Amino acid sequence: MIKLCVGAGEIADLEAWQKRVMQRAPLPVHHTRMVPKKIDELLDGGSIYWVIKGIIQVRQSFSDIRVIDDRNGKRACELVFDPELIPVDPTPKRPFQGWRYLKPVEAPADLKQGKQGDDIPPDLHAKLKDAMVW
């Protein structure tokens, strides 16, 4: 799954938001109106890939996906994540609304810790990759 991380300028903003959520809940939770049809697939090793400032920068594994009723009694969803944020190969992504399924072959690879180039800002990394320089 892929989703825009609206309001975040960097991974640290997502991390801070989720820490605030975890003051009330044991794991990071995100509410959404739409319920995924592929819940079993997402829970079988799936992740959410967060787009920050037009770049897929980080992912989180799903811990649970709960179908709930919202305050108005309408069907909604709670996406529950593992708290670990895993940096991925920065990949440009155009804006979109809501969330989308991400095909496994299109998912950016995890960045290995200590990999050369880790200190390059994600937007520059994405531009270099897009220009086929990286």
Protein backbone atom coordinates (compact mmCIF):
# COMPACT_ATOMS: atom_id res chain seq x y z
CA MET A 1 0.00 0.00 0.00
CA ILE A 2 1.18 3.53 -0.66
CA LYS A 3 -0.06 6.74 0.98
CA LEU A 4 0.87 10.41 1.07
CA CYS A 5 2.14 11.56 4.46
CA VAL A 6 0.35 14.89 4.37
CA GLY A 7 1.91 17.61 6.51
CA ALA A 8 5.26 15.87 6.90
CA GLY A 9 8.38 17.49 5.53
CA GLU A 10 10.72 14.67 6.50
CA ILE A 11 10.71 11.23 8.09
CA ALA A 12 11.23 12.79 11.54
CA ASP A 13 7.80 14.47 11.24
CA LEU A 14 6.12 11.09 10.63
CA GLU A 15 8.04 9.64 13.56
CA ALA A 16 6.97 12.50 15.87
CA TRP A 17 3.31 12.17 14.80
CA GLN A 18 3.33 8.43 15.48
CA LYS A 19 4.99 8.92 18.89
CA ARG A 20 2.11 11.25 19.81
CA VAL A 21 -0.39 8.60 18.67
CA MET A 22 1.41 5.97 20.77
CA GLN A 23 0.82 8.03 23.91
CA ARG A 24 -2.81 6.88 23.59
CA ALA A 25 -2.35 3.53 21.81
CA PRO A 26 0.31 0.79 21.99
CA LEU A 27 1.04 0.94 18.23
CA PRO A 28 0.80 3.64 15.56
CA VAL A 29 -2.71 3.77 14.08
CA HIS A 30 -4.04 5.62 11.06
CA HIS A 31 -7.78 5.99 10.40
CA THR A 32 -9.13 5.91 6.87
CA ARG A 33 -12.63 5.89 5.41
CA MET A 34 -11.92 3.22 2.82
CA VAL A 35 -11.49 -0.41 3.85
CA PRO A 36 -8.92 -2.36 1.81
CA LYS A 37 -10.26 -5.38 -0.05
CA LYS A 38 -6.87 -7.11 0.14
CA ILE A 39 -6.58 -7.19 3.95
CA ASP A 40 -5.21 -10.75 4.03
CA GLU A 41 -2.48 -9.90 1.50
CA LEU A 42 -1.50 -6.73 3.37
CA LEU A 43 -1.27 -8.59 6.68
CA ASP A 44 0.83 -11.34 5.09
CA GLY A 45 4.09 -9.38 5.13
CA GLY A 46 2.72 -6.20 3.55
CA SER A 47 3.80 -2.64 4.30
CA ILE A 48 2.61 0.89 3.87
CA TYR A 49 5.02 3.06 1.88
CA TRP A 50 4.89 6.71 2.95
CA VAL A 51 5.29 9.47 0.35
CA ILE A 52 6.88 12.52 1.95
CA LYS A 53 7.32 15.68 -0.16
CA GLY A 54 6.68 13.77 -3.40
CA ILE A 55 9.15 10.98 -2.63
CA ILE A 56 8.55 7.47 -1.30
CA GLN A 57 10.98 7.58 1.64
CA VAL A 58 10.00 5.05 4.28
CA ARG A 59 7.82 2.01 4.91
CA GLN A 60 6.16 0.32 7.87
CA SER A 61 4.88 -3.21 8.24
CA PHE A 62 1.23 -3.77 9.05
CA SER A 63 0.43 -5.19 12.48
CA ASP A 64 -3.34 -5.22 11.99
CA ILE A 65 -6.14 -3.81 9.87
CA ARG A 66 -9.40 -3.31 11.75
CA VAL A 67 -12.79 -2.62 10.19
CA ILE A 68 -14.63 -0.23 12.52
CA ASP A 69 -17.62 2.09 12.63
CA ASP A 70 -16.70 5.79 12.69
CA ARG A 71 -18.40 8.46 14.83
CA ASN A 72 -21.24 8.69 12.33
CA GLY A 73 -21.81 4.93 12.28
CA LYS A 74 -20.23 4.52 8.84
CA ARG A 75 -17.80 1.75 8.02
CA ALA A 76 -14.15 2.82 8.34
CA CYS A 77 -10.74 1.31 8.89
CA GLU A 78 -7.86 1.50 11.36
CA LEU A 79 -4.48 0.70 9.86
CA VAL A 80 -2.17 -0.46 12.65
CA PHE A 81 1.58 -0.41 12.02
CA ASP A 82 4.73 -1.81 13.51
CA PRO A 83 6.46 1.26 15.02
CA GLU A 84 9.72 0.64 13.11
CA LEU A 85 10.21 3.05 10.21
CA ILE A 86 12.32 1.42 7.49
CA PRO A 87 14.00 3.84 5.05
CA VAL A 88 13.65 2.85 1.41
CA ASP A 89 15.38 3.86 -1.79
CA PRO A 90 13.95 7.39 -2.34
CA THR A 91 11.61 7.16 -5.31
CA PRO A 92 9.63 10.09 -6.82
CA LYS A 93 5.85 9.72 -6.72
CA ARG A 94 3.25 12.10 -8.12
CA PRO A 95 0.43 13.26 -5.82
CA PHE A 96 -2.74 11.19 -5.50
CA GLN A 97 -5.67 11.04 -3.12
CA GLY A 98 -6.25 8.43 -0.45
CA TRP A 99 -4.13 5.31 -0.63
CA ARG A 100 -3.31 2.92 -3.44
CA TYR A 101 -2.12 -0.64 -3.70
CA LEU A 102 1.55 -0.83 -4.62
CA LYS A 103 2.61 -3.76 -6.76
CA PRO A 104 5.53 -5.63 -5.13
CA VAL A 105 7.67 -5.14 -8.25
CA GLU A 106 7.15 -1.35 -7.97
CA ALA A 107 8.03 -1.15 -4.27
CA PRO A 108 11.36 0.57 -3.60
CA ALA A 109 14.03 -1.54 -1.94
CA ASP A 110 14.94 -1.02 1.69
CA LEU A 111 18.06 1.07 2.23
CA LYS A 112 20.79 -0.90 3.90
CA GLN A 113 22.20 0.74 7.02
CA GLY A 114 25.65 2.18 6.44
CA LYS A 115 25.21 2.14 2.66
CA GLN A 116 27.29 4.70 0.81
CA GLY A 117 25.17 7.75 0.07
CA ASP A 118 22.97 7.51 3.17
CA ASP A 119 23.86 11.11 3.99
CA ILE A 120 22.38 12.42 0.71
CA PRO A 121 18.99 14.12 1.23
CA PRO A 122 16.12 11.99 -0.13
CA ASP A 123 15.04 14.61 -2.69
CA LEU A 124 18.56 14.79 -4.18
CA HIS A 125 18.87 11.00 -4.10
CA ALA A 126 15.56 10.70 -6.00
CA LYS A 127 16.65 13.28 -8.61
CA LEU A 128 19.97 11.49 -9.15
CA LYS A 129 18.15 8.17 -9.49
CA ASP A 130 15.61 9.70 -11.90
CA ALA A 131 18.46 11.10 -14.01
CA MET A 132 20.05 7.60 -13.98
CA VAL A 133 23.16 8.98 -12.32
CA TRP A 134 22.69 6.97 -9.12
